[in-house]
Amino acid sequence: MGNIIAGLEKGLEGMEPGESKEIVVQPEDGYGIKDPGLIQQVPRQRFPGGFAFKAGMSYLARSDSGAMVNFQVLGFDDESVEIDMNHPLAGRALYFQVRIKDVREEGEQP
């Protein structure tokens, strides 16, 4: 139904109630490959005065078009801020340990 990442959904296919397994989802089937084009240098003056930057922290901002954008601060200096707008899990293999409790038909209410 598109509620979970494609790789996990594929790994769950065919499993029966009571069955357990580890599912490894590669980046291509998870949150994608890290896109270097989404790492940018932004002039510091684009941020509100007194903004407390901290490398490694994630923030939420509104773009010029009004859309909400998640980004992580990679580093900063007096002139610019290096941000990464990739999903925090982009480029990573994901590991899930799952156990099927019950199975229902698609669209059927729990």
N, C-alpha and C. Protein backbone atom coordinates (compact mmCIF):
# COMPACT_ATOMS: atom_id res chain seq x y z
N MET A 1 0.82 -1.21 0.00
CA MET A 1 0.00 0.00 0.00
C MET A 1 0.85 1.25 0.00
N GLY A 2 2.17 1.10 -0.01
CA GLY A 2 3.05 2.26 -0.05
C GLY A 2 3.26 2.93 1.29
N ASN A 3 2.92 2.27 2.38
CA ASN A 3 3.08 2.85 3.71
C ASN A 3 4.48 2.66 4.29
N ILE A 4 5.24 1.76 3.71
CA ILE A 4 6.60 1.50 4.18
C ILE A 4 7.54 1.49 2.98
N ILE A 5 8.84 1.55 3.24
CA ILE A 5 9.80 1.58 2.15
C ILE A 5 9.71 0.30 1.31
N ALA A 6 9.98 0.44 0.03
CA ALA A 6 9.81 -0.65 -0.93
C ALA A 6 10.59 -1.90 -0.55
N GLY A 7 11.82 -1.74 -0.12
CA GLY A 7 12.65 -2.91 0.20
C GLY A 7 12.11 -3.72 1.37
N LEU A 8 11.56 -3.06 2.37
CA LEU A 8 10.97 -3.77 3.50
C LEU A 8 9.69 -4.46 3.06
N GLU A 9 8.89 -3.77 2.27
CA GLU A 9 7.65 -4.37 1.78
C GLU A 9 7.96 -5.63 0.97
N LYS A 10 8.98 -5.56 0.10
CA LYS A 10 9.37 -6.74 -0.69
C LYS A 10 9.79 -7.89 0.22
N GLY A 11 10.56 -7.56 1.26
CA GLY A 11 11.04 -8.58 2.18
C GLY A 11 9.93 -9.24 2.98
N LEU A 12 8.83 -8.54 3.19
CA LEU A 12 7.70 -9.08 3.95
C LEU A 12 6.78 -9.96 3.12
N GLU A 13 6.85 -9.80 1.80
CA GLU A 13 5.96 -10.56 0.91
C GLU A 13 6.08 -12.05 1.15
N GLY A 14 4.93 -12.70 1.26
CA GLY A 14 4.89 -14.15 1.41
C GLY A 14 5.10 -14.66 2.82
N MET A 15 5.41 -13.80 3.76
CA MET A 15 5.60 -14.26 5.13
C MET A 15 4.25 -14.60 5.76
N GLU A 16 4.26 -15.55 6.67
CA GLU A 16 3.05 -16.04 7.32
C GLU A 16 3.07 -15.67 8.81
N PRO A 17 1.90 -15.63 9.46
CA PRO A 17 1.86 -15.33 10.90
C PRO A 17 2.78 -16.26 11.70
N GLY A 18 3.53 -15.66 12.62
CA GLY A 18 4.47 -16.41 13.46
C GLY A 18 5.87 -16.50 12.87
N GLU A 19 6.02 -16.19 11.60
CA GLU A 19 7.32 -16.27 10.93
C GLU A 19 8.17 -15.05 11.29
N SER A 20 9.47 -15.28 11.49
CA SER A 20 10.42 -14.20 11.79
C SER A 20 11.58 -14.27 10.81
N LYS A 21 12.18 -13.12 10.53
CA LYS A 21 13.40 -13.10 9.73
C LYS A 21 14.02 -11.72 9.79
N GLU A 22 15.29 -11.66 9.40
CA GLU A 22 15.99 -10.39 9.27
C GLU A 22 15.88 -9.97 7.81
N ILE A 23 15.55 -8.69 7.61
CA ILE A 23 15.45 -8.14 6.26
C ILE A 23 16.47 -7.02 6.14
N VAL A 24 17.32 -7.12 5.13
CA VAL A 24 18.31 -6.08 4.86
C VAL A 24 17.84 -5.32 3.62
N VAL A 25 17.70 -4.01 3.76
CA VAL A 25 17.24 -3.17 2.66
C VAL A 25 18.40 -2.31 2.21
N GLN A 26 18.79 -2.47 0.94
CA GLN A 26 19.87 -1.68 0.38
C GLN A 26 19.36 -0.26 0.08
N PRO A 27 20.26 0.71 0.02
CA PRO A 27 19.84 2.11 -0.18
C PRO A 27 18.88 2.32 -1.36
N GLU A 28 19.10 1.61 -2.46
CA GLU A 28 18.27 1.78 -3.64
C GLU A 28 16.80 1.46 -3.37
N ASP A 29 16.54 0.55 -2.42
CA ASP A 29 15.18 0.14 -2.09
C ASP A 29 14.70 0.75 -0.77
N GLY A 30 15.52 1.66 -0.22
CA GLY A 30 15.16 2.32 1.04
C GLY A 30 14.94 3.79 0.80
N TYR A 31 15.87 4.60 1.29
CA TYR A 31 15.75 6.05 1.17
C TYR A 31 16.63 6.62 0.07
N GLY A 32 17.15 5.74 -0.79
CA GLY A 32 17.89 6.18 -1.96
C GLY A 32 19.38 6.37 -1.70
N ILE A 33 20.08 6.59 -2.79
CA ILE A 33 21.51 6.87 -2.77
C ILE A 33 21.68 8.35 -2.39
N LYS A 34 22.69 8.66 -1.64
CA LYS A 34 22.96 10.05 -1.27
C LYS A 34 23.25 10.85 -2.54
N ASP A 35 22.53 11.96 -2.72
CA ASP A 35 22.68 12.81 -3.90
C ASP A 35 23.60 13.97 -3.54
N PRO A 36 24.83 14.01 -4.12
CA PRO A 36 25.75 15.10 -3.81
C PRO A 36 25.19 16.48 -4.15
N GLY A 37 24.23 16.54 -5.10
CA GLY A 37 23.61 17.81 -5.47
C GLY A 37 22.74 18.40 -4.37
N LEU A 38 22.40 17.58 -3.38
CA LEU A 38 21.58 18.07 -2.26
C LEU A 38 22.44 18.55 -1.08
N ILE A 39 23.75 18.57 -1.28
CA ILE A 39 24.66 19.14 -0.29
C ILE A 39 25.07 20.50 -0.85
N GLN A 40 24.75 21.56 -0.11
CA GLN A 40 24.94 22.91 -0.64
C GLN A 40 25.54 23.85 0.39
N GLN A 41 26.20 24.86 -0.13
CA GLN A 41 26.69 25.97 0.68
C GLN A 41 25.63 27.07 0.61
N VAL A 42 25.15 27.51 1.74
CA VAL A 42 24.11 28.54 1.80
C VAL A 42 24.69 29.75 2.53
N PRO A 43 24.52 30.94 1.96
CA PRO A 43 25.01 32.13 2.67
C PRO A 43 24.38 32.22 4.06
N ARG A 44 25.20 32.52 5.03
CA ARG A 44 24.73 32.58 6.42
C ARG A 44 23.60 33.60 6.60
N GLN A 45 23.60 34.68 5.81
CA GLN A 45 22.56 35.70 5.96
C GLN A 45 21.17 35.19 5.58
N ARG A 46 21.07 34.01 4.94
CA ARG A 46 19.76 33.43 4.60
C ARG A 46 19.06 32.87 5.84
N PHE A 47 19.81 32.75 6.94
CA PHE A 47 19.25 32.23 8.19
C PHE A 47 18.92 33.40 9.12
N PRO A 48 17.95 33.22 10.01
CA PRO A 48 17.62 34.29 10.95
C PRO A 48 18.82 34.68 11.80
N GLY A 49 18.93 35.96 12.13
CA GLY A 49 20.01 36.42 13.00
C GLY A 49 19.96 35.70 14.34
N GLY A 50 21.10 35.32 14.84
CA GLY A 50 21.18 34.62 16.11
C GLY A 50 20.86 33.14 16.03
N PHE A 51 20.69 32.62 14.80
CA PHE A 51 20.40 31.19 14.64
C PHE A 51 21.55 30.39 15.23
N ALA A 52 21.25 29.45 16.11
CA ALA A 52 22.28 28.65 16.79
C ALA A 52 22.60 27.41 15.96
N PHE A 53 23.63 27.52 15.14
CA PHE A 53 24.05 26.39 14.31
C PHE A 53 24.79 25.37 15.16
N LYS A 54 24.56 24.09 14.84
CA LYS A 54 25.31 23.02 15.48
C LYS A 54 25.52 21.94 14.42
N ALA A 55 26.77 21.67 14.11
CA ALA A 55 27.09 20.65 13.10
C ALA A 55 26.52 19.31 13.55
N GLY A 56 25.90 18.61 12.60
CA GLY A 56 25.32 17.31 12.88
C GLY A 56 23.84 17.37 13.24
N MET A 57 23.34 18.55 13.55
CA MET A 57 21.93 18.68 13.92
C MET A 57 21.05 18.79 12.67
N SER A 58 19.83 18.27 12.79
CA SER A 58 18.85 18.37 11.72
C SER A 58 17.86 19.48 12.05
N TYR A 59 17.42 20.17 11.02
CA TYR A 59 16.51 21.30 11.17
C TYR A 59 15.41 21.21 10.12
N LEU A 60 14.35 21.95 10.34
CA LEU A 60 13.24 22.05 9.41
C LEU A 60 13.09 23.53 9.05
N ALA A 61 12.98 23.82 7.75
CA ALA A 61 12.87 25.21 7.31
C ALA A 61 11.86 25.28 6.17
N ARG A 62 11.46 26.49 5.85
CA ARG A 62 10.55 26.73 4.73
C ARG A 62 11.39 27.25 3.55
N SER A 63 11.22 26.63 2.40
CA SER A 63 11.96 27.05 1.20
C SER A 63 11.35 28.34 0.64
N ASP A 64 12.01 28.91 -0.37
CA ASP A 64 11.50 30.11 -1.02
C ASP A 64 10.11 29.88 -1.63
N SER A 65 9.84 28.63 -2.03
CA SER A 65 8.54 28.31 -2.62
C SER A 65 7.48 27.99 -1.57
N GLY A 66 7.88 27.95 -0.30
CA GLY A 66 6.93 27.69 0.79
C GLY A 66 6.89 26.25 1.26
N ALA A 67 7.62 25.36 0.58
CA ALA A 67 7.66 23.95 0.99
C ALA A 67 8.53 23.78 2.23
N MET A 68 8.17 22.81 3.07
CA MET A 68 8.98 22.50 4.24
C MET A 68 10.15 21.61 3.79
N VAL A 69 11.35 21.92 4.28
CA VAL A 69 12.57 21.21 3.89
C VAL A 69 13.32 20.79 5.14
N ASN A 70 13.66 19.50 5.20
CA ASN A 70 14.53 19.00 6.26
C ASN A 70 15.96 19.10 5.79
N PHE A 71 16.86 19.48 6.67
CA PHE A 71 18.27 19.50 6.31
C PHE A 71 19.12 19.29 7.55
N GLN A 72 20.34 18.86 7.31
CA GLN A 72 21.32 18.67 8.38
C GLN A 72 22.46 19.65 8.14
N VAL A 73 22.91 20.29 9.20
CA VAL A 73 24.06 21.18 9.11
C VAL A 73 25.32 20.33 9.18
N LEU A 74 26.13 20.42 8.13
CA LEU A 74 27.39 19.68 8.09
C LEU A 74 28.53 20.50 8.68
N GLY A 75 28.47 21.80 8.50
CA GLY A 75 29.51 22.69 8.99
C GLY A 75 29.14 24.13 8.67
N PHE A 76 29.86 25.07 9.25
CA PHE A 76 29.56 26.48 9.00
C PHE A 76 30.75 27.33 9.38
N ASP A 77 30.77 28.54 8.83
CA ASP A 77 31.76 29.55 9.21
C ASP A 77 31.05 30.89 9.23
N ASP A 78 31.77 31.97 9.28
CA ASP A 78 31.15 33.29 9.36
C ASP A 78 30.37 33.67 8.11
N GLU A 79 30.71 33.06 6.97
CA GLU A 79 30.10 33.44 5.70
C GLU A 79 29.00 32.49 5.21
N SER A 80 29.17 31.19 5.44
CA SER A 80 28.23 30.23 4.86
C SER A 80 27.98 29.05 5.77
N VAL A 81 26.93 28.31 5.40
CA VAL A 81 26.54 27.10 6.13
C VAL A 81 26.45 25.98 5.11
N GLU A 82 27.12 24.87 5.38
CA GLU A 82 27.02 23.71 4.49
C GLU A 82 25.89 22.83 5.01
N ILE A 83 24.89 22.61 4.14
CA ILE A 83 23.74 21.81 4.54
C ILE A 83 23.59 20.60 3.63
N ASP A 84 22.97 19.56 4.17
CA ASP A 84 22.69 18.33 3.43
C ASP A 84 21.18 18.11 3.50
N MET A 85 20.53 18.14 2.33
CA MET A 85 19.08 17.96 2.27
C MET A 85 18.67 16.53 1.91
N ASN A 86 19.65 15.61 1.87
CA ASN A 86 19.32 14.21 1.68
C ASN A 86 18.57 13.70 2.90
N HIS A 87 17.76 12.66 2.72
CA HIS A 87 17.12 12.02 3.86
C HIS A 87 18.24 11.51 4.78
N PRO A 88 18.09 11.60 6.08
CA PRO A 88 19.16 11.16 6.99
C PRO A 88 19.58 9.69 6.80
N LEU A 89 18.69 8.86 6.25
CA LEU A 89 19.03 7.45 6.03
C LEU A 89 19.44 7.15 4.59
N ALA A 90 19.53 8.18 3.74
CA ALA A 90 19.96 7.97 2.35
C ALA A 90 21.38 7.42 2.34
N GLY A 91 21.61 6.47 1.45
CA GLY A 91 22.94 5.90 1.30
C GLY A 91 23.28 4.82 2.32
N ARG A 92 22.34 4.46 3.16
CA ARG A 92 22.59 3.46 4.20
C ARG A 92 21.79 2.19 3.97
N ALA A 93 22.43 1.06 4.25
CA ALA A 93 21.69 -0.20 4.28
C ALA A 93 20.93 -0.22 5.61
N LEU A 94 19.70 -0.71 5.57
CA LEU A 94 18.85 -0.75 6.76
C LEU A 94 18.60 -2.20 7.15
N TYR A 95 18.64 -2.47 8.44
CA TYR A 95 18.47 -3.83 8.95
C TYR A 95 17.23 -3.88 9.82
N PHE A 96 16.32 -4.82 9.50
CA PHE A 96 15.09 -5.00 10.25
C PHE A 96 15.00 -6.43 10.75
N GLN A 97 14.60 -6.61 11.99
CA GLN A 97 14.28 -7.92 12.53
C GLN A 97 12.76 -7.91 12.69
N VAL A 98 12.06 -8.73 11.92
CA VAL A 98 10.60 -8.68 11.92
C VAL A 98 10.01 -10.03 12.34
N ARG A 99 8.82 -9.94 12.91
CA ARG A 99 8.01 -11.13 13.22
C ARG A 99 6.59 -10.78 12.80
N ILE A 100 5.99 -11.64 12.01
CA ILE A 100 4.63 -11.40 11.52
C ILE A 100 3.65 -11.87 12.58
N LYS A 101 2.83 -10.92 13.00
CA LYS A 101 1.82 -11.20 14.02
C LYS A 101 0.53 -11.67 13.36
N ASP A 102 0.14 -11.00 12.27
CA ASP A 102 -1.11 -11.33 11.58
C ASP A 102 -0.99 -10.83 10.14
N VAL A 103 -1.81 -11.38 9.28
CA VAL A 103 -1.84 -10.97 7.87
C VAL A 103 -3.29 -10.64 7.52
N ARG A 104 -3.48 -9.54 6.78
CA ARG A 104 -4.82 -9.17 6.33
C ARG A 104 -4.73 -8.75 4.88
N GLU A 105 -5.86 -8.72 4.23
CA GLU A 105 -5.93 -8.31 2.83
C GLU A 105 -5.66 -6.81 2.71
N GLU A 106 -5.06 -6.40 1.61
CA GLU A 106 -4.79 -4.98 1.35
C GLU A 106 -6.10 -4.20 1.43
N GLY A 107 -6.08 -3.08 2.14
CA GLY A 107 -7.25 -2.23 2.27
C GLY A 107 -8.18 -2.63 3.40
N GLU A 108 -8.03 -3.85 3.91
CA GLU A 108 -8.87 -4.32 5.01
C GLU A 108 -8.49 -3.59 6.28
N GLN A 109 -9.45 -3.15 7.06
CA GLN A 109 -9.17 -2.42 8.30
C GLN A 109 -8.65 -3.37 9.37
N PRO A 110 -7.68 -2.89 10.17
CA PRO A 110 -7.13 -3.74 11.24
C PRO A 110 -8.14 -4.02 12.32
